[in-house]
């Protein structure tokens, strides 16, 4: 304070472009002026840039010169280009990633739309193509649009590009950082929007892939809070909307519900969302196959009701044999199997692996309450149920492409790990006489198949790798007379990667039903 007047903070350094244009620079890593005009923001120590105002270049001339220089130097203005399916691209140096990722062009985002529509939208059917394009147009003038579009890009890359592609994780991280930088806090006059909520969902998807689980849960809970503020569960409030927007908001609510249920089971987090009274209203703007697949995902997670959550997170002594048998019957519904068989391989992979995962968790709860027996009258209470699951799951994986499973990101790999780890535990604790049977060898082969399949994805957690390798070593020690195990461990994976149902010689309907038999 001087003479009662607060002096404005002076920036110690200004970037080169602001110096030449003689405008105020805020001194940021990428200053506000350069960000606004899409200019390269460089801080040079060269004193020759210090010119008098009389000799200062015209502002328009500096902007044009900087942009032309950028073109002439051949520097890309967007992050690493997306690779075609199955291809690998060389990575630019990490320094290039850092500078590029802050300043992508509109074409960078627009080029992602086909992958988004093919792989992201069918399992997150809330933000359509037209709204994506509007956000790209407004991203430099609307912070919410900009924050969303960076999260959209990060999620599309996360779900469509392999981690083995050099620089991918760095690119996703930069996009997340930019999305968070543009994200405005909820102020006194702020209102929740569908766009803000889906931005948070996309951030959570990416943060799960980066193993930032607690931070992902934070943004998920914020999304759920905004969902409550939109009063989607209030029938009267929803009746005021046009049918298409009402159906979209209902899908948005279920999106949060599904993510919260998955997080509760995989990361032991509490839940607060109750299910809506029904499935989303019919939306004629949505492809029938997308709508059908999405409804099946909802129906699958509806089986994870509050009782399931309470038993999983709380006192498993309350688990009863009757509840276990009922839950297994719900998870093996024959009508569901028939309907799912007509969906795309992408949708089938999500649904079938999720159901097998839920059956595994249900079996684990029965095991923790000592309800299982080798002489059980019901297969759902049998000690060896996971062995049947391994055979079923292998049968499905050999009928679809590797991409159809990997496209679902880290979440589906966590499910596959839980299934395979449980199968390994069962094999390790089989009675000694079981090691003499050919059935045991078949189950070990199924496990090794699943292990190789998971290990083929670079994003599998290192800890999961170590756990499975330790258990396979124990299996070899327990069954030393089974020389075939050594051969199975050393043999190449028998995965028919890239094959579809029709190429495998099976009809879709028969294939899906067969794996549950």
Protein backbone atom coordinates (compact mmCIF):
# COMPACT_ATOMS: atom_id res chain seq x y z
CA UNK A 1 0.00 0.00 0.00
CA UNK A 2 1.24 3.51 -0.90
CA UNK A 3 -0.83 6.65 -0.21
CA UNK A 4 -3.85 4.42 0.45
CA UNK A 5 -3.79 3.13 -3.09
CA UNK A 6 -3.08 -0.53 -3.85
CA UNK A 7 -0.53 -0.91 -6.61
CA UNK A 8 -1.15 -3.52 -9.28
CA UNK A 9 1.19 -6.48 -9.23
CA UNK A 10 3.93 -6.13 -11.83
CA UNK A 11 5.17 -9.19 -13.70
CA UNK A 12 8.95 -9.59 -13.55
CA UNK A 13 9.15 -11.07 -17.06
CA UNK A 14 7.01 -10.79 -20.16
CA UNK A 15 7.05 -13.23 -23.06
CA UNK A 16 8.68 -12.27 -26.35
CA UNK A 17 5.39 -11.70 -28.22
CA UNK A 18 3.99 -9.43 -25.49
CA UNK A 19 7.24 -7.44 -25.35
CA UNK A 20 7.18 -6.86 -29.07
CA UNK A 21 3.51 -5.86 -29.04
CA UNK A 22 3.95 -3.75 -25.87
CA UNK A 23 0.94 -5.30 -24.16
CA UNK A 24 0.51 -6.50 -20.58
CA UNK A 25 1.70 -10.08 -20.04
CA UNK A 26 0.44 -12.04 -17.03
CA UNK A 27 3.69 -14.06 -16.86
CA UNK A 28 2.02 -17.46 -16.99
CA UNK A 29 3.68 -20.58 -18.38
CA UNK A 30 1.52 -19.85 -21.38
CA UNK A 31 0.35 -16.26 -20.97
CA UNK A 32 -3.23 -15.11 -21.43
CA UNK A 33 -2.45 -12.97 -24.50
CA UNK A 34 -0.71 -15.80 -26.41
CA UNK A 35 -3.39 -18.27 -25.41
CA UNK A 36 -6.09 -15.94 -26.74
CA UNK A 37 -4.38 -15.34 -30.10
CA UNK A 38 -3.05 -18.92 -30.44
CA UNK A 39 0.59 -17.74 -30.51
CA UNK A 40 3.75 -19.57 -29.37
CA UNK A 41 4.56 -18.29 -25.87
CA UNK A 42 8.35 -18.04 -25.40
CA UNK A 43 10.36 -16.32 -22.64
CA UNK A 44 13.71 -15.33 -24.08
CA UNK A 45 16.70 -13.90 -22.21
CA UNK A 46 17.79 -11.98 -25.36
CA UNK A 47 17.96 -8.28 -24.47
CA UNK A 48 17.61 -7.31 -28.14
CA UNK A 49 13.88 -7.76 -27.74
CA UNK A 50 13.76 -4.69 -25.48
CA UNK A 51 12.63 -1.97 -27.84
CA UNK A 52 11.17 1.43 -27.26
CA UNK A 53 7.43 1.89 -27.68
CA UNK A 54 8.11 4.08 -30.71
CA UNK A 55 9.82 1.19 -32.48
CA UNK A 56 7.38 -1.44 -31.25
CA UNK A 57 5.87 -3.58 -34.00
CA UNK A 58 2.19 -3.22 -34.76
CA UNK A 59 0.22 -5.80 -32.77
CA UNK A 60 -1.46 -7.30 -35.81
CA UNK A 61 1.88 -7.64 -37.57
CA UNK A 62 3.41 -9.50 -34.61
CA UNK A 63 0.48 -11.92 -34.44
CA UNK A 64 0.70 -12.65 -38.17
CA UNK A 65 4.48 -13.02 -38.02
CA UNK A 66 4.40 -15.41 -35.07
CA UNK A 67 1.80 -17.60 -36.69
CA UNK A 68 3.68 -17.66 -40.01
CA UNK A 69 6.96 -18.47 -38.22
CA UNK A 70 5.24 -21.37 -36.51
CA UNK A 71 4.08 -22.72 -39.87
CA UNK A 72 7.45 -22.22 -41.54
CA UNK A 73 9.25 -24.07 -38.80
CA UNK A 74 6.99 -27.06 -39.37
CA UNK A 75 6.00 -27.38 -35.71
CA UNK A 76 2.76 -29.34 -35.24
CA UNK A 77 0.05 -27.37 -33.49
CA UNK A 78 -1.68 -30.39 -31.98
CA UNK A 79 -0.67 -33.41 -29.88
CA UNK A 80 0.66 -36.57 -31.44
CA UNK A 81 -1.63 -37.65 -34.32
CA UNK A 82 -3.85 -40.62 -33.59
CA UNK A 83 -2.67 -43.92 -34.97
CA UNK A 84 -4.75 -46.09 -37.30
CA UNK A 85 -5.97 -49.26 -35.63
CA UNK A 86 -3.11 -51.70 -35.19
CA UNK A 87 -0.45 -49.19 -36.17
CA UNK A 88 2.29 -47.65 -34.05
CA UNK A 89 3.69 -44.16 -34.44
CA UNK A 90 7.04 -42.79 -33.36
CA UNK A 91 6.82 -40.38 -30.45
CA UNK A 92 8.10 -36.79 -30.53
CA UNK A 93 10.48 -35.82 -27.73
CA UNK A 94 8.82 -35.25 -24.35
CA UNK A 95 9.61 -31.55 -24.59
CA UNK A 96 7.60 -31.41 -27.79
CA UNK A 97 4.67 -33.16 -26.12
CA UNK A 98 4.71 -30.59 -23.34
CA UNK A 99 4.60 -27.60 -25.67
CA UNK A 100 2.22 -29.12 -28.22
CA UNK A 101 -0.42 -30.40 -25.82
CA UNK A 102 -1.25 -26.91 -24.57
CA UNK A 103 -2.22 -25.60 -27.99
CA UNK A 104 -4.10 -28.10 -30.18
CA UNK A 105 -6.01 -26.91 -33.22
CA UNK A 106 -9.69 -27.51 -33.96
CA UNK A 107 -8.83 -30.19 -36.51
CA UNK A 108 -7.08 -32.22 -33.80
CA UNK A 109 -10.36 -32.56 -31.89
CA UNK A 110 -12.55 -32.95 -34.97
CA UNK A 111 -10.38 -35.82 -36.21
CA UNK A 112 -11.23 -37.74 -33.01
CA UNK A 113 -14.97 -37.72 -33.60
CA UNK A 114 -15.13 -40.95 -35.70
CA UNK A 115 -13.31 -42.91 -32.97
CA UNK A 116 -15.48 -41.29 -30.32
CA UNK A 117 -18.68 -42.30 -32.11
CA UNK A 118 -17.45 -45.84 -32.77
CA UNK A 119 -15.96 -46.69 -29.37
CA UNK A 120 -16.81 -44.13 -26.68
CA UNK A 121 -20.36 -42.97 -27.40
CA UNK A 122 -22.00 -46.45 -27.51
CA UNK A 123 -21.06 -47.04 -23.85
CA UNK A 124 -21.38 -43.37 -22.79
CA UNK A 125 -24.38 -42.21 -24.89
CA UNK A 126 -24.88 -38.69 -23.59
CA UNK A 127 -22.99 -36.08 -25.67
CA UNK A 128 -23.78 -36.49 -29.42
CA UNK A 129 -21.64 -35.50 -32.38
CA UNK A 130 -23.34 -32.15 -32.98
CA UNK A 131 -22.61 -31.02 -29.43
CA UNK A 132 -18.98 -32.08 -29.75
CA UNK A 133 -18.62 -29.93 -32.86
CA UNK A 134 -20.27 -26.96 -31.14
CA UNK A 135 -17.84 -27.27 -28.23
CA UNK A 136 -14.90 -27.25 -30.64
CA UNK A 137 -16.21 -24.04 -32.21
CA UNK A 138 -16.67 -22.39 -28.80
CA UNK A 139 -13.66 -23.75 -26.92
CA UNK A 140 -11.68 -20.47 -27.13
CA UNK A 141 -14.59 -18.31 -25.96
CA UNK A 142 -16.41 -20.64 -23.53
CA UNK A 143 -14.37 -22.15 -20.71
CA UNK A 144 -16.90 -24.93 -20.07
CA UNK A 145 -16.80 -25.95 -23.72
CA UNK A 146 -12.99 -25.87 -23.65
CA UNK A 147 -12.76 -27.87 -20.43
CA UNK A 148 -15.12 -30.51 -21.80
CA UNK A 149 -13.40 -30.83 -25.16
CA UNK A 150 -10.01 -31.53 -23.57
CA UNK A 151 -11.60 -34.21 -21.36
CA UNK A 152 -13.34 -35.63 -24.45
CA UNK A 153 -10.01 -35.85 -26.25
CA UNK A 154 -8.25 -37.46 -23.28
CA UNK A 155 -10.96 -40.11 -22.95
CA UNK A 156 -11.07 -40.89 -26.67
CA UNK A 157 -7.30 -41.40 -26.72
CA UNK A 158 -7.41 -43.36 -23.47
CA UNK A 159 -9.96 -45.82 -24.85
CA UNK A 160 -8.73 -46.11 -28.45
CA UNK A 161 -4.94 -45.81 -28.37
CA UNK A 162 -2.66 -48.47 -26.83
CA UNK A 163 -0.44 -47.48 -23.92
CA UNK A 164 2.47 -49.00 -25.83
CA UNK A 165 2.27 -46.14 -28.35
CA UNK A 166 5.07 -43.80 -27.21
CA UNK A 167 3.95 -40.59 -25.57
CA UNK A 168 0.29 -41.58 -25.15
CA UNK A 169 0.20 -41.38 -21.35
CA UNK A 170 1.97 -38.00 -21.45
CA UNK A 171 -0.54 -36.75 -23.98
CA UNK A 172 -3.51 -37.89 -21.88
CA UNK A 173 -1.99 -36.26 -18.80
CA UNK A 174 -1.52 -32.93 -20.63
CA UNK A 175 -5.09 -32.98 -21.89
CA UNK A 176 -6.43 -33.68 -18.39
CA UNK A 177 -4.33 -30.84 -16.98
CA UNK A 178 -5.71 -28.46 -19.61
CA UNK A 179 -9.28 -29.56 -18.90
CA UNK A 180 -8.76 -28.92 -15.18
CA UNK A 181 -7.11 -25.55 -15.89
CA UNK A 182 -10.19 -24.37 -17.83
CA UNK A 183 -12.63 -25.83 -15.31
CA UNK A 184 -14.33 -23.05 -13.34
CA UNK A 185 -15.39 -23.77 -9.75
CA UNK A 186 -19.10 -23.67 -8.90
CA UNK A 187 -19.68 -20.07 -7.87
CA UNK A 188 -22.69 -18.25 -6.46
CA UNK A 189 -24.30 -17.92 -9.88
CA UNK A 190 -23.05 -21.19 -11.37
CA UNK A 191 -25.42 -23.84 -12.63
CA UNK A 192 -24.75 -27.53 -13.30
CA UNK A 193 -24.99 -28.68 -16.90
CA UNK A 194 -24.94 -32.00 -18.73
CA UNK A 195 -21.64 -30.94 -20.29
CA UNK A 196 -19.98 -30.32 -16.90
CA UNK A 197 -21.16 -33.66 -15.55
CA UNK A 198 -19.90 -35.65 -18.55
CA UNK A 199 -16.60 -33.78 -18.37
CA UNK A 200 -16.20 -35.11 -14.82
CA UNK A 201 -17.14 -38.64 -15.92
CA UNK A 202 -14.53 -38.50 -18.68
CA UNK A 203 -11.95 -37.19 -16.21
CA UNK A 204 -12.71 -40.11 -13.89
CA UNK A 205 -12.29 -42.62 -16.73
CA UNK A 206 -8.84 -41.20 -17.55
CA UNK A 207 -7.77 -40.91 -13.91
CA UNK A 208 -8.66 -44.57 -13.38
CA UNK A 209 -6.36 -45.45 -16.26
CA UNK A 210 -3.60 -43.37 -14.68
CA UNK A 211 -4.30 -45.12 -11.33
CA UNK A 212 -5.32 -41.83 -9.68
CA UNK A 213 -8.27 -43.59 -8.07
CA UNK A 214 -8.99 -41.20 -5.19
CA UNK A 215 -8.86 -38.17 -7.48
CA UNK A 216 -11.15 -39.96 -9.94
CA UNK A 217 -13.60 -40.65 -7.10
CA UNK A 218 -13.54 -36.94 -6.21
CA UNK A 219 -14.65 -35.90 -9.70
CA UNK A 220 -17.22 -38.70 -9.83
CA UNK A 221 -18.77 -37.50 -6.56
CA UNK A 222 -18.81 -33.93 -7.88
CA UNK A 223 -20.63 -35.20 -10.99
CA UNK A 224 -23.17 -36.99 -8.78
CA UNK A 225 -23.73 -33.78 -6.78
CA UNK A 226 -24.47 -31.89 -10.01
CA UNK A 227 -26.84 -34.67 -11.10
CA UNK A 228 -28.82 -34.14 -7.89
CA UNK A 229 -28.86 -30.39 -8.57
CA UNK A 230 -30.44 -31.07 -11.99
CA UNK A 231 -33.22 -32.97 -10.14
CA UNK A 232 -33.18 -35.80 -12.65
CA UNK A 233 -34.81 -38.16 -10.16
CA UNK A 234 -37.72 -35.71 -9.77
CA UNK A 235 -40.51 -36.68 -12.19
CA UNK A 236 -42.18 -33.26 -12.07
CA UNK A 237 -38.98 -31.40 -12.91
CA UNK A 238 -38.21 -33.79 -15.75
CA UNK A 239 -41.72 -33.48 -17.19
CA UNK A 240 -40.93 -29.86 -18.12
CA UNK A 241 -38.20 -30.97 -20.56
CA UNK A 242 -38.73 -32.05 -24.15
CA UNK A 243 -38.68 -35.86 -24.59
CA UNK A 244 -35.22 -36.03 -26.17
CA UNK A 245 -33.53 -33.96 -23.46
CA UNK A 246 -35.40 -35.87 -20.74
CA UNK A 247 -34.15 -39.20 -22.11
CA UNK A 248 -30.60 -37.84 -22.35
CA UNK A 249 -30.60 -36.69 -18.73
CA UNK A 250 -31.93 -40.06 -17.65
CA UNK A 251 -29.00 -41.73 -19.45
CA UNK A 252 -26.69 -39.25 -17.72
CA UNK A 253 -28.09 -40.28 -14.32
CA UNK A 254 -27.55 -43.97 -15.11
CA UNK A 255 -24.02 -43.18 -16.29
CA UNK A 256 -23.20 -41.83 -12.83
CA UNK A 257 -25.00 -44.76 -11.18
CA UNK A 258 -22.95 -47.33 -13.12
CA UNK A 259 -19.64 -45.60 -12.46
CA UNK A 260 -20.44 -45.31 -8.76
CA UNK A 261 -21.42 -49.00 -8.50
CA UNK A 262 -18.24 -50.11 -10.27
CA UNK A 263 -16.13 -47.88 -8.02
CA UNK A 264 -17.82 -49.30 -4.93
CA UNK A 265 -16.99 -52.87 -5.91
CA UNK A 266 -13.49 -52.31 -7.28
CA UNK A 267 -12.21 -49.62 -4.87
CA UNK A 268 -14.46 -50.18 -1.83
CA UNK A 269 -16.05 -46.73 -1.97
CA UNK A 270 -19.51 -45.90 -0.53
CA UNK A 271 -22.50 -45.18 -2.77
CA UNK A 272 -25.20 -42.52 -2.57
CA UNK A 273 -27.18 -42.78 -5.83
CA UNK A 274 -30.40 -44.77 -5.86
CA UNK A 275 -31.62 -46.26 -9.15
CA UNK A 276 -34.27 -44.42 -11.14
CA UNK A 277 -37.71 -46.03 -11.27
CA UNK A 278 -37.21 -47.20 -14.84
CA UNK A 279 -34.90 -47.36 -17.85
CA UNK A 280 -34.37 -44.18 -19.90
CA UNK A 281 -37.26 -43.06 -22.10
CA UNK A 282 -37.11 -44.00 -25.76
CA UNK A 283 -34.94 -41.57 -27.73
CA UNK A 284 -35.36 -41.72 -31.51
CA UNK A 285 -32.10 -39.80 -32.02
CA UNK A 286 -30.21 -42.78 -30.57
CA UNK A 287 -29.36 -45.80 -32.72
CA UNK A 288 -31.49 -48.79 -31.60
CA UNK A 289 -28.39 -50.97 -31.09
CA UNK A 290 -26.77 -48.31 -28.90
CA UNK A 291 -29.95 -47.88 -26.87
CA UNK A 292 -30.39 -51.63 -26.43
CA UNK A 293 -26.77 -52.14 -25.39
CA UNK A 294 -26.92 -49.23 -22.93
CA UNK A 295 -30.11 -50.57 -21.36
CA UNK A 296 -28.44 -53.97 -20.87
CA UNK A 297 -25.53 -52.29 -19.08
CA UNK A 298 -28.03 -50.56 -16.78
CA UNK A 299 -29.85 -53.85 -16.12
CA UNK A 300 -26.56 -55.55 -15.29
CA UNK A 301 -25.59 -52.94 -12.70
CA UNK A 302 -29.11 -52.91 -11.27
CA UNK A 303 -28.22 -56.39 -9.99
CA UNK A 304 -25.65 -54.62 -7.81
CA UNK A 305 -28.43 -53.42 -5.55
CA UNK A 306 -28.02 -51.85 -2.12
CA UNK A 307 -28.06 -55.26 -0.46
CA UNK A 308 -25.20 -56.39 -2.69
CA UNK A 309 -23.22 -53.24 -1.82
CA UNK A 310 -23.90 -53.58 1.91
CA UNK A 311 -22.79 -57.22 1.93
CA UNK A 312 -19.69 -56.50 -0.16
CA UNK A 313 -18.55 -53.53 1.94
CA UNK A 314 -19.91 -54.63 5.30
CA UNK A 315 -20.65 -57.74 7.33
CA UNK A 316 -20.44 -60.76 5.04
CA UNK A 317 -21.66 -62.96 7.86
CA UNK A 318 -25.11 -61.84 6.71
CA UNK A 319 -24.65 -63.53 3.31
CA UNK A 320 -27.02 -66.48 3.00
CA UNK A 321 -27.05 -69.47 0.67
CA UNK A 322 -30.47 -68.40 -0.62
CA UNK A 323 -29.16 -64.94 -1.55
CA UNK A 324 -26.14 -66.45 -3.37
CA UNK A 325 -28.31 -68.82 -5.41
CA UNK A 326 -30.78 -66.05 -6.31
CA UNK A 327 -28.02 -63.68 -7.40
CA UNK A 328 -26.41 -66.33 -9.61
CA UNK A 329 -29.79 -67.06 -11.25
CA UNK A 330 -30.20 -63.34 -12.00
CA UNK A 331 -26.72 -63.19 -13.53
CA UNK A 332 -27.39 -66.18 -15.81
CA UNK A 333 -30.73 -65.01 -17.19
CA UNK A 334 -31.38 -66.85 -20.48
CA UNK A 335 -33.43 -64.01 -22.01
CA UNK A 336 -30.55 -61.61 -21.39
CA UNK A 337 -28.12 -64.03 -23.06
CA UNK A 338 -30.27 -64.23 -26.19
CA UNK A 339 -30.69 -60.47 -26.50
CA UNK A 340 -27.01 -59.74 -25.92
CA UNK A 341 -26.03 -62.18 -28.65
CA UNK A 342 -27.33 -59.71 -31.27
CA UNK A 343 -25.26 -56.77 -30.05
CA UNK A 344 -21.90 -55.73 -31.44
CA UNK A 345 -18.73 -57.43 -30.21
CA UNK A 346 -17.78 -54.18 -28.44
CA UNK A 347 -21.02 -54.19 -26.42
CA UNK A 348 -20.90 -57.93 -25.81
CA UNK A 349 -17.39 -57.72 -24.37
CA UNK A 350 -18.43 -55.13 -21.80
CA UNK A 351 -21.58 -56.98 -20.78
CA UNK A 352 -20.25 -60.54 -20.66
CA UNK A 353 -17.00 -59.77 -18.85
CA UNK A 354 -18.95 -57.63 -16.36
CA UNK A 355 -21.43 -60.42 -15.65
CA UNK A 356 -18.65 -62.98 -15.20
CA UNK A 357 -16.92 -60.54 -12.86
CA UNK A 358 -20.09 -60.10 -10.79
CA UNK A 359 -20.52 -63.88 -10.58
CA UNK A 360 -16.94 -64.10 -9.32
CA UNK A 361 -17.55 -61.45 -6.65
CA UNK A 362 -20.75 -63.22 -5.57
CA UNK A 363 -18.81 -66.48 -5.25
CA UNK A 364 -16.16 -64.67 -3.17
CA UNK A 365 -18.82 -63.48 -0.73
CA UNK A 366 -20.09 -67.05 -0.37
CA UNK A 367 -16.53 -68.23 0.22
CA UNK A 368 -15.90 -65.59 2.89
CA UNK A 369 -18.95 -66.86 4.80
CA UNK A 370 -17.95 -70.53 4.35
CA UNK A 371 -21.10 -71.38 2.40
CA UNK A 372 -19.26 -73.33 -0.30
CA UNK A 373 -18.74 -77.06 -0.49
CA UNK A 374 -17.35 -79.63 -2.92
CA UNK A 375 -20.61 -81.56 -2.37
CA UNK A 376 -22.98 -78.62 -2.78
CA UNK A 377 -26.39 -79.39 -4.29
CA UNK A 378 -26.20 -76.17 -6.32
CA UNK A 379 -23.36 -75.23 -8.65
CA UNK A 380 -23.53 -71.64 -7.40
CA UNK A 381 -22.38 -72.95 -3.99
CA UNK A 382 -19.69 -75.20 -5.41
CA UNK A 383 -16.03 -74.66 -4.58
CA UNK A 384 -15.14 -75.16 -8.23
CA UNK A 385 -17.56 -72.67 -9.82
CA UNK A 386 -14.71 -70.31 -10.87
CA UNK A 387 -13.23 -73.15 -12.91
CA UNK A 388 -16.36 -73.22 -15.05
CA UNK A 389 -16.19 -69.44 -15.36
CA UNK A 390 -12.64 -69.74 -16.72
CA UNK A 391 -13.76 -72.08 -19.48
CA UNK A 392 -16.72 -69.88 -20.38
CA UNK A 393 -14.64 -66.72 -20.45
CA UNK A 394 -11.96 -68.30 -22.60
CA UNK A 395 -14.65 -69.46 -25.01
CA UNK A 396 -15.87 -65.90 -25.38
CA UNK A 397 -12.45 -64.28 -25.73
CA UNK A 398 -11.51 -66.60 -28.60
CA UNK A 399 -14.62 -65.47 -30.48
CA UNK A 400 -14.06 -61.72 -30.45
CA UNK A 401 -11.20 -59.45 -31.37
CA UNK A 402 -8.69 -58.34 -28.78
CA UNK A 403 -9.67 -54.75 -29.60
CA UNK A 404 -13.31 -55.36 -28.61
CA UNK A 405 -12.13 -56.03 -25.05
CA UNK A 406 -9.18 -53.65 -24.77
CA UNK A 407 -11.28 -50.68 -25.94
CA UNK A 408 -13.02 -50.60 -22.54
CA UNK A 409 -9.83 -49.47 -20.81
CA UNK A 410 -8.38 -50.29 -17.42
CA UNK A 411 -11.74 -51.15 -15.85
CA UNK A 412 -12.23 -54.30 -17.90
CA UNK A 413 -8.65 -55.42 -17.21
CA UNK A 414 -9.31 -55.06 -13.48
CA UNK A 415 -12.35 -57.31 -13.90
CA UNK A 416 -10.35 -59.91 -15.84
CA UNK A 417 -7.66 -59.85 -13.17
CA UNK A 418 -10.22 -60.48 -10.41
CA UNK A 419 -11.61 -63.45 -12.32
CA UNK A 420 -8.21 -64.97 -13.13
CA UNK A 421 -6.86 -64.39 -9.62
CA UNK A 422 -9.87 -66.16 -8.12
CA UNK A 423 -9.46 -69.11 -10.50
CA UNK A 424 -5.80 -69.38 -9.47
CA UNK A 425 -6.81 -69.49 -5.79
CA UNK A 426 -9.23 -72.33 -6.47
CA UNK A 427 -6.61 -74.38 -8.31
CA UNK A 428 -4.13 -73.79 -5.50
CA UNK A 429 -6.57 -75.12 -2.91
CA UNK A 430 -7.96 -78.11 -4.75
CA UNK A 431 -7.64 -81.41 -2.87
CA UNK A 432 -4.51 -83.43 -3.82
CA UNK A 433 -6.44 -86.06 -5.76
CA UNK A 434 -7.78 -83.38 -8.09
CA UNK A 435 -4.29 -82.80 -9.48
CA UNK A 436 -4.47 -86.22 -11.15
CA UNK A 437 -7.42 -85.30 -13.36
CA UNK A 438 -7.33 -83.99 -16.90
CA UNK A 439 -9.94 -81.44 -15.87
CA UNK A 440 -7.43 -79.73 -13.58
CA UNK A 441 -4.92 -79.46 -16.40
CA UNK A 442 -7.62 -77.96 -18.62
CA UNK A 443 -8.39 -75.33 -15.98
CA UNK A 444 -4.71 -74.49 -15.60
CA UNK A 445 -4.54 -74.05 -19.36
CA UNK A 446 -7.56 -71.71 -19.20
CA UNK A 447 -5.79 -69.67 -16.52
CA UNK A 448 -2.62 -69.39 -18.55
CA UNK A 449 -4.65 -68.32 -21.55
CA UNK A 450 -6.30 -65.54 -19.54
CA UNK A 451 -2.94 -64.56 -18.04
CA UNK A 452 -1.30 -64.22 -21.47
CA UNK A 453 -4.29 -62.33 -22.78
CA UNK A 454 -4.15 -59.77 -19.96
CA UNK A 455 -0.37 -59.46 -20.13
CA UNK A 456 -0.68 -58.52 -23.81
CA UNK A 457 -2.19 -55.16 -22.73
CA UNK A 458 0.49 -52.65 -21.65
CA UNK A 459 -1.89 -50.90 -19.24
CA UNK A 460 -2.27 -53.92 -16.94
CA UNK A 461 -1.16 -52.98 -13.43
CA UNK A 462 2.38 -54.15 -12.51
CA UNK A 463 1.05 -55.30 -9.14
CA UNK A 464 -1.50 -57.53 -10.87
CA UNK A 465 1.29 -59.02 -12.96
CA UNK A 466 3.35 -59.83 -9.89
CA UNK A 467 0.41 -61.41 -8.06
CA UNK A 468 -0.48 -63.71 -10.94
CA UNK A 469 3.13 -64.74 -11.61
CA UNK A 470 3.61 -65.62 -7.93
CA UNK A 471 0.52 -67.81 -7.98
CA UNK A 472 1.54 -69.60 -11.16
CA UNK A 473 4.90 -70.41 -9.58
CA UNK A 474 3.05 -71.90 -6.60
CA UNK A 475 0.88 -73.98 -8.91
CA UNK A 476 3.98 -75.45 -10.52
CA UNK A 477 5.36 -76.29 -7.07
CA UNK A 478 2.14 -77.96 -5.89
CA UNK A 479 1.78 -80.06 -9.04
CA UNK A 480 5.41 -80.93 -9.91
CA UNK A 481 4.33 -84.13 -11.68
CA UNK A 482 2.30 -82.13 -14.20
CA UNK A 483 5.06 -81.57 -16.74
CA UNK A 484 2.48 -80.16 -19.10
CA UNK A 485 2.31 -76.98 -16.98
CA UNK A 486 5.89 -76.08 -17.95
CA UNK A 487 5.00 -76.56 -21.60
CA UNK A 488 1.88 -74.45 -21.21
CA UNK A 489 3.80 -71.65 -19.51
CA UNK A 490 6.38 -71.60 -22.28
CA UNK A 491 3.98 -71.99 -25.21
CA UNK A 492 2.74 -68.99 -27.22
CA UNK A 493 -0.72 -67.65 -26.44
CA UNK A 494 -3.48 -69.33 -28.37
CA UNK A 495 -5.40 -66.12 -28.87
CA UNK A 496 -7.07 -65.64 -32.20
CA UNK A 497 -6.65 -61.89 -32.07
CA UNK A 498 -8.67 -59.89 -34.54
CA UNK A 499 -11.23 -62.60 -35.28
CA UNK A 500 -14.93 -61.95 -35.08
CA UNK A 501 -17.80 -64.32 -34.38
CA UNK A 502 -18.41 -64.98 -38.05
CA UNK A 503 -14.70 -65.56 -38.78
CA UNK A 504 -14.53 -68.04 -35.93
CA UNK A 505 -17.25 -70.04 -37.62
CA UNK A 506 -19.99 -69.54 -35.01
CA UNK A 507 -23.24 -67.66 -35.18
CA UNK A 508 -23.48 -64.79 -32.68
CA UNK A 509 -26.53 -66.19 -30.91
CA UNK A 510 -25.02 -69.65 -30.42
CA UNK A 511 -21.66 -68.28 -29.26
CA UNK A 512 -23.00 -66.14 -26.44
CA UNK A 513 -25.37 -68.80 -25.15
CA UNK A 514 -22.72 -71.50 -25.29
CA UNK A 515 -20.35 -69.71 -22.96
CA UNK A 516 -22.91 -69.78 -20.14
CA UNK A 517 -23.55 -73.51 -20.38
